[in-house]
Amino acid sequence: MLNYIFTITNQIFIMFLLMALGYILSKKDVLTEEGTKQISTLLMMVATPAVIIYSYQRDFDLERAKMLGVSFAFGIGAYIIPIFFGALIFKKNRSLYYQDKRMCIVFSNNGFMAIPLLQALLGSTGVFLGSAHIVLGNVFLWTYGVRTLGGDKYKMNLKTALVNPGALAMMFGLLLFISPVKLPANVYQVCGYLGAINTPLAMLVLGAFLQKANILECFKDKSLFILSALKLIIVPAVLVTLLLLIRAEQMIAATMLIASAAPTGIIAPMFAQRFNTEHLYSTKVVALTTLLCIGTMPVFLTLIEYFWI
């Protein structure tokens, strides 16, 4: 467990250094409100799709393909569980910021936080399978997420579900995986460069958001702790129970659990800002869950080691 705590703490320390820089840049008006919106758009439209495409550029392997397919199936369940809890607990006209709270328990920091843990525990295969959770996150973001934040003005349709940056990147990435034709080396390197800006830019934006919010209020607002308990304890506990009951394959179970037990992702406040909802509240959730996951994630990682690895 100490190894897990060290890995998680190191990732959080790096995140907070980047966030501190974003905080300072925002305070000095170097990073403005309009600037954060533009960066958020760049991340959602370019950087994240590049990460997905980059992860699928590998030689086809039938066994890995089967495992990836199962990972997608389990990944859908991993998103349905928090969506169910969100709809059950945070109801319209009964809960302040209900739509932002739903977003915060559904979408995880499954990139910056989960990927290093997958790499350390399960190697490159774990990262490859973990990409299913990231890809599905983009699909749910542009369907469920937009519907949740956009409200009645947004109508769900098949076109929106399929024609969005995350889904298109997934389809193109899968073609690369199953096809003998791969991206040219220079194009592949460009995708790597674009994907590399995802984490630092996201943390800078989060730091700018924190500058606008009173972070000390995180420890005074009981709703933030309730939300954190749902995100970091209840949802992962339900998922791990279901995975045990259906006797999921150890590698797949581990990737899904690690991604789901990660803290709330920066995409929640970024999308809230895009739709003009309460993005500062979502920012506080990201900050608090990131701190608290130092204590919760090692527990679930130990469960993975005990039952599967």
Protein backbone atom coordinates (compact mmCIF):
# COMPACT_ATOMS: atom_id res chain seq x y z
CA MET A 1 0.00 0.00 0.00
CA LEU A 2 2.89 2.38 0.70
CA ASN A 3 3.96 2.12 -2.94
CA TYR A 4 0.44 3.09 -4.05
CA ILE A 5 0.37 6.04 -1.65
CA PHE A 6 3.74 7.27 -2.95
CA THR A 7 2.62 7.05 -6.59
CA ILE A 8 -0.67 8.82 -5.92
CA THR A 9 0.93 11.50 -3.72
CA ASN A 10 3.58 12.19 -6.36
CA GLN A 11 0.93 12.64 -9.06
CA ILE A 12 -1.11 14.94 -6.85
CA PHE A 13 2.01 16.99 -6.00
CA ILE A 14 2.74 17.50 -9.70
CA MET A 15 -0.90 18.44 -10.30
CA PHE A 16 -0.86 21.04 -7.55
CA LEU A 17 2.38 22.58 -8.81
CA LEU A 18 0.76 23.09 -12.22
CA MET A 19 -2.43 24.34 -10.59
CA ALA A 20 -0.40 26.82 -8.50
CA LEU A 21 1.12 28.21 -11.69
CA GLY A 22 -2.35 28.59 -13.21
CA TYR A 23 -3.51 30.32 -10.02
CA ILE A 24 -0.65 32.84 -10.23
CA LEU A 25 -1.16 33.46 -13.96
CA SER A 26 -4.85 34.11 -13.36
CA LYS A 27 -4.17 36.44 -10.42
CA LYS A 28 -1.75 38.43 -12.59
CA ASP A 29 -4.35 38.52 -15.42
CA VAL A 30 -1.99 36.66 -17.74
CA LEU A 31 -4.60 33.90 -17.96
CA THR A 32 -7.99 35.57 -18.40
CA GLU A 33 -11.56 34.24 -18.32
CA GLU A 34 -11.64 34.27 -22.11
CA GLY A 35 -8.26 32.56 -22.20
CA THR A 36 -9.46 29.67 -20.01
CA LYS A 37 -12.47 29.18 -22.28
CA GLN A 38 -10.23 29.02 -25.34
CA ILE A 39 -7.86 26.55 -23.67
CA SER A 40 -10.80 24.40 -22.55
CA THR A 41 -12.05 24.27 -26.13
CA LEU A 42 -8.56 23.37 -27.38
CA LEU A 43 -8.35 20.52 -24.88
CA MET A 44 -11.76 19.08 -25.73
CA MET A 45 -11.48 19.48 -29.49
CA VAL A 46 -7.81 18.69 -30.12
CA ALA A 47 -5.67 17.46 -27.21
CA THR A 48 -7.94 14.75 -25.78
CA PRO A 49 -8.79 13.23 -29.20
CA ALA A 50 -5.04 13.17 -29.92
CA VAL A 51 -4.47 11.15 -26.72
CA ILE A 52 -7.05 8.60 -27.86
CA ILE A 53 -5.63 8.23 -31.37
CA TYR A 54 -2.09 7.97 -30.00
CA SER A 55 -3.03 5.13 -27.61
CA TYR A 56 -4.54 2.98 -30.39
CA GLN A 57 -1.55 3.09 -32.75
CA ARG A 58 -0.27 -0.42 -32.04
CA ASP A 59 -0.08 -3.79 -33.78
CA PHE A 60 -3.31 -5.76 -33.85
CA ASP A 61 -3.56 -8.66 -31.41
CA LEU A 62 -6.72 -10.81 -31.25
CA GLU A 63 -6.52 -11.49 -27.52
CA ARG A 64 -6.04 -7.80 -26.75
CA ALA A 65 -8.88 -6.94 -29.10
CA LYS A 66 -11.21 -9.27 -27.17
CA MET A 67 -10.10 -7.79 -23.85
CA LEU A 68 -10.62 -4.29 -25.22
CA GLY A 69 -14.15 -5.19 -26.28
CA VAL A 70 -14.96 -6.51 -22.80
CA SER A 71 -13.39 -3.37 -21.31
CA PHE A 72 -15.77 -1.22 -23.34
CA ALA A 73 -18.73 -3.30 -22.13
CA PHE A 74 -17.68 -2.99 -18.48
CA GLY A 75 -16.77 0.65 -19.03
CA ILE A 76 -20.36 1.43 -20.02
CA GLY A 77 -21.46 -0.07 -16.71
CA ALA A 78 -18.83 1.96 -14.88
CA TYR A 79 -20.48 5.14 -16.21
CA ILE A 80 -24.08 3.99 -15.76
CA ILE A 81 -23.56 3.43 -12.01
CA PRO A 82 -22.68 7.09 -11.17
CA ILE A 83 -25.28 8.34 -13.68
CA PHE A 84 -27.89 6.33 -11.75
CA PHE A 85 -26.74 7.71 -8.40
CA GLY A 86 -26.71 11.24 -9.79
CA ALA A 87 -30.26 10.99 -11.11
CA LEU A 88 -31.42 9.41 -7.85
CA ILE A 89 -29.83 11.88 -5.44
CA PHE A 90 -29.40 15.19 -7.28
CA LYS A 91 -32.83 16.08 -8.62
CA LYS A 92 -33.85 19.21 -10.48
CA ASN A 93 -35.36 21.93 -8.27
CA ARG A 94 -34.39 19.96 -5.15
CA SER A 95 -30.62 20.24 -5.21
CA LEU A 96 -28.53 23.37 -5.71
CA TYR A 97 -26.19 22.94 -8.72
CA TYR A 98 -27.81 19.54 -9.33
CA GLN A 99 -26.49 19.24 -12.90
CA ASP A 100 -22.93 20.14 -11.91
CA LYS A 101 -23.03 17.61 -9.06
CA ARG A 102 -24.09 14.90 -11.48
CA MET A 103 -21.17 15.73 -13.74
CA CYS A 104 -18.73 15.62 -10.82
CA ILE A 105 -19.56 12.05 -9.79
CA VAL A 106 -19.70 10.70 -13.37
CA PHE A 107 -16.46 12.02 -14.88
CA SER A 108 -13.09 11.02 -13.40
CA ASN A 109 -9.54 12.18 -13.79
CA ASN A 110 -8.98 8.95 -15.72
CA GLY A 111 -6.02 10.33 -17.65
CA PHE A 112 -3.45 12.05 -15.46
CA MET A 113 -4.29 10.17 -12.26
CA ALA A 114 -5.26 6.73 -13.55
CA ILE A 115 -2.77 6.20 -16.40
CA PRO A 116 0.41 6.32 -14.23
CA LEU A 117 -1.15 3.85 -11.80
CA LEU A 118 -2.16 1.52 -14.62
CA GLN A 119 1.36 1.74 -16.04
CA ALA A 120 2.94 0.96 -12.66
CA LEU A 121 0.60 -1.94 -11.81
CA LEU A 122 -0.28 -3.48 -15.16
CA GLY A 123 2.17 -2.14 -17.74
CA SER A 124 1.32 -1.07 -21.29
CA THR A 125 -1.57 -3.54 -21.54
CA GLY A 126 -3.25 -1.86 -18.58
CA VAL A 127 -2.89 1.55 -20.22
CA PHE A 128 -4.29 0.19 -23.50
CA LEU A 129 -7.33 -1.32 -21.79
CA GLY A 130 -7.75 1.75 -19.62
CA SER A 131 -8.14 3.83 -22.77
CA ALA A 132 -11.64 2.31 -23.10
CA HIS A 133 -12.74 4.25 -20.03
CA ILE A 134 -11.23 7.46 -21.44
CA VAL A 135 -12.86 6.96 -24.84
CA LEU A 136 -16.25 6.19 -23.31
CA GLY A 137 -15.84 9.25 -21.12
CA ASN A 138 -15.69 11.38 -24.24
CA VAL A 139 -18.77 9.72 -25.70
CA PHE A 140 -20.75 10.20 -22.48
CA LEU A 141 -19.42 13.74 -22.18
CA TRP A 142 -20.81 14.79 -25.56
CA THR A 143 -24.12 13.01 -24.99
CA TYR A 144 -25.05 12.70 -21.32
CA GLY A 145 -22.84 15.64 -20.29
CA VAL A 146 -24.20 18.05 -22.87
CA ARG A 147 -27.77 16.94 -22.16
CA THR A 148 -27.25 17.40 -18.41
CA LEU A 149 -25.73 20.87 -18.64
CA GLY A 150 -27.62 22.03 -21.73
CA GLY A 151 -31.02 21.09 -20.27
CA ASP A 152 -34.18 21.15 -22.33
CA LYS A 153 -32.50 23.23 -25.04
CA TYR A 154 -30.48 20.17 -26.06
CA LYS A 155 -32.12 17.21 -27.77
CA MET A 156 -30.30 13.87 -27.70
CA ASN A 157 -29.82 12.33 -31.13
CA LEU A 158 -27.65 9.72 -32.80
CA LYS A 159 -25.69 12.32 -34.77
CA THR A 160 -24.51 14.07 -31.61
CA ALA A 161 -23.63 10.75 -30.01
CA LEU A 162 -21.44 9.72 -32.94
CA VAL A 163 -20.21 12.98 -34.44
CA ASN A 164 -18.16 14.54 -31.66
CA PRO A 165 -14.39 14.77 -31.10
CA GLY A 166 -14.21 11.85 -28.66
CA ALA A 167 -16.31 9.42 -30.70
CA LEU A 168 -14.61 10.31 -33.97
CA ALA A 169 -11.18 9.88 -32.39
CA MET A 170 -12.27 6.49 -31.02
CA MET A 171 -13.52 5.27 -34.41
CA PHE A 172 -10.37 6.45 -36.16
CA GLY A 173 -8.19 4.93 -33.43
CA LEU A 174 -9.95 1.56 -33.72
CA LEU A 175 -9.38 1.59 -37.48
CA LEU A 176 -5.69 2.16 -36.82
CA PHE A 177 -5.62 -0.73 -34.35
CA ILE A 178 -7.30 -3.32 -36.60
CA SER A 179 -5.67 -2.12 -39.80
CA PRO A 180 -2.13 -2.98 -40.94
CA VAL A 181 -1.90 0.64 -42.11
CA LYS A 182 -0.63 2.97 -39.41
CA LEU A 183 -0.07 6.69 -39.14
CA PRO A 184 3.19 7.96 -40.66
CA ALA A 185 5.88 8.45 -38.04
CA ASN A 186 5.75 12.25 -38.22
CA VAL A 187 1.93 12.37 -37.89
CA TYR A 188 2.09 9.92 -35.00
CA GLN A 189 4.65 12.16 -33.32
CA VAL A 190 2.39 15.18 -33.79
CA CYS A 191 -0.43 13.29 -32.03
CA GLY A 192 1.99 12.57 -29.21
CA TYR A 193 2.92 16.23 -28.91
CA LEU A 194 -0.73 17.32 -28.92
CA GLY A 195 -1.63 14.70 -26.34
CA ALA A 196 1.26 15.83 -24.14
CA ILE A 197 -0.26 19.30 -23.69
CA ASN A 198 -3.46 17.81 -22.27
CA THR A 199 -2.42 17.50 -18.63
CA PRO A 200 -0.42 20.72 -18.12
CA LEU A 201 -3.01 22.92 -19.85
CA ALA A 202 -5.87 21.27 -17.95
CA MET A 203 -4.12 21.89 -14.62
CA LEU A 204 -3.39 25.52 -15.54
CA VAL A 205 -7.09 26.03 -16.26
CA LEU A 206 -8.02 24.39 -12.97
CA GLY A 207 -5.59 26.67 -11.13
CA ALA A 208 -7.22 29.68 -12.82
CA PHE A 209 -10.64 28.40 -11.73
CA LEU A 210 -9.39 28.00 -8.15
CA GLN A 211 -8.21 31.62 -8.16
CA LYS A 212 -11.80 32.68 -8.78
CA ALA A 213 -13.16 30.42 -6.06
CA ASN A 214 -12.58 30.55 -2.30
CA ILE A 215 -10.82 27.24 -1.81
CA LEU A 216 -11.09 27.45 1.99
CA GLU A 217 -14.85 27.13 1.60
CA CYS A 218 -14.29 23.54 0.46
CA PHE A 219 -13.77 22.54 4.08
CA LYS A 220 -16.91 24.37 5.25
CA ASP A 221 -19.37 23.06 2.67
CA LYS A 222 -20.86 19.72 3.75
CA SER A 223 -22.26 19.10 0.28
CA LEU A 224 -18.72 18.88 -1.09
CA PHE A 225 -17.84 16.10 1.36
CA ILE A 226 -21.06 14.23 0.54
CA LEU A 227 -20.24 14.51 -3.15
CA SER A 228 -16.66 13.37 -2.50
CA ALA A 229 -17.90 10.33 -0.57
CA LEU A 230 -20.15 9.38 -3.47
CA LYS A 231 -17.36 9.82 -6.02
CA LEU A 232 -14.48 8.25 -4.11
CA ILE A 233 -16.16 5.59 -1.96
CA ILE A 234 -19.75 4.67 -2.83
CA VAL A 235 -19.47 4.44 -6.64
CA PRO A 236 -16.15 2.48 -6.63
CA ALA A 237 -17.48 0.19 -3.87
CA VAL A 238 -20.58 -0.68 -5.92
CA LEU A 239 -18.43 -1.24 -9.00
CA VAL A 240 -15.93 -3.50 -7.26
CA THR A 241 -18.79 -5.54 -5.76
CA LEU A 242 -20.36 -6.08 -9.19
CA LEU A 243 -17.00 -6.97 -10.74
CA LEU A 244 -16.47 -9.57 -8.03
CA LEU A 245 -19.95 -11.03 -8.47
CA ILE A 246 -19.54 -11.50 -12.23
CA ARG A 247 -15.95 -12.75 -11.78
CA ALA A 248 -14.48 -10.23 -14.18
CA GLU A 249 -11.03 -10.97 -15.62
CA GLN A 250 -8.40 -9.46 -13.31
CA MET A 251 -6.72 -7.10 -15.78
CA ILE A 252 -10.00 -5.64 -17.02
CA ALA A 253 -11.44 -5.31 -13.51
CA ALA A 254 -8.33 -3.49 -12.35
CA THR A 255 -8.38 -0.96 -15.20
CA MET A 256 -12.07 -0.14 -14.71
CA LEU A 257 -11.76 0.21 -10.95
CA ILE A 258 -8.66 2.41 -11.06
CA ALA A 259 -10.28 4.77 -13.56
CA SER A 260 -13.57 4.94 -11.65
CA ALA A 261 -11.94 5.47 -8.24
CA ALA A 262 -9.94 8.46 -9.51
CA PRO A 263 -11.00 11.95 -8.34
CA THR A 264 -13.34 14.20 -10.29
CA GLY A 265 -11.85 15.25 -13.62
CA ILE A 266 -11.10 18.81 -14.71
CA ILE A 267 -13.56 18.26 -17.57
CA ALA A 268 -16.45 18.83 -15.12
CA PRO A 269 -15.67 22.51 -14.42
CA MET A 270 -14.44 23.07 -17.99
CA PHE A 271 -17.74 21.85 -19.44
CA ALA A 272 -19.66 23.76 -16.76
CA GLN A 273 -17.88 26.93 -17.88
CA ARG A 274 -18.69 26.13 -21.50
CA PHE A 275 -22.42 25.91 -20.65
CA ASN A 276 -22.35 28.80 -18.17
CA THR A 277 -23.33 26.73 -15.14
CA GLU A 278 -21.63 26.84 -11.72
CA HIS A 279 -18.09 25.91 -12.73
CA LEU A 280 -16.54 27.30 -9.54
CA TYR A 281 -18.48 24.74 -7.48
CA SER A 282 -17.21 21.95 -9.74
CA THR A 283 -13.69 23.34 -9.32
CA LYS A 284 -13.94 22.94 -5.54
CA VAL A 285 -15.10 19.34 -6.01
CA VAL A 286 -12.07 18.62 -8.20
CA ALA A 287 -9.70 20.11 -5.62
CA LEU A 288 -11.25 18.32 -2.64
CA THR A 289 -11.58 14.89 -4.29
CA THR A 290 -7.99 15.16 -5.51
CA LEU A 291 -6.81 15.69 -1.93
CA LEU A 292 -9.05 13.01 -0.40
CA CYS A 293 -8.15 10.33 -2.95
CA ILE A 294 -4.77 10.01 -1.22
CA GLY A 295 -6.66 8.04 1.41
CA THR A 296 -9.30 6.28 -0.69
CA MET A 297 -7.48 5.07 -3.81
CA PRO A 298 -4.87 2.95 -1.97
CA VAL A 299 -7.73 1.02 -0.32
CA PHE A 300 -9.29 0.09 -3.66
CA LEU A 301 -5.88 -0.66 -5.17
CA THR A 302 -5.24 -3.04 -2.28
CA LEU A 303 -8.57 -4.74 -2.99
CA ILE A 304 -7.47 -5.16 -6.61
CA GLU A 305 -4.19 -6.73 -5.49
CA TYR A 306 -5.90 -9.02 -2.98
CA PHE A 307 -8.73 -10.27 -5.19
CA TRP A 308 -7.26 -10.15 -8.70
CA ILE A 309 -3.54 -9.48 -9.13
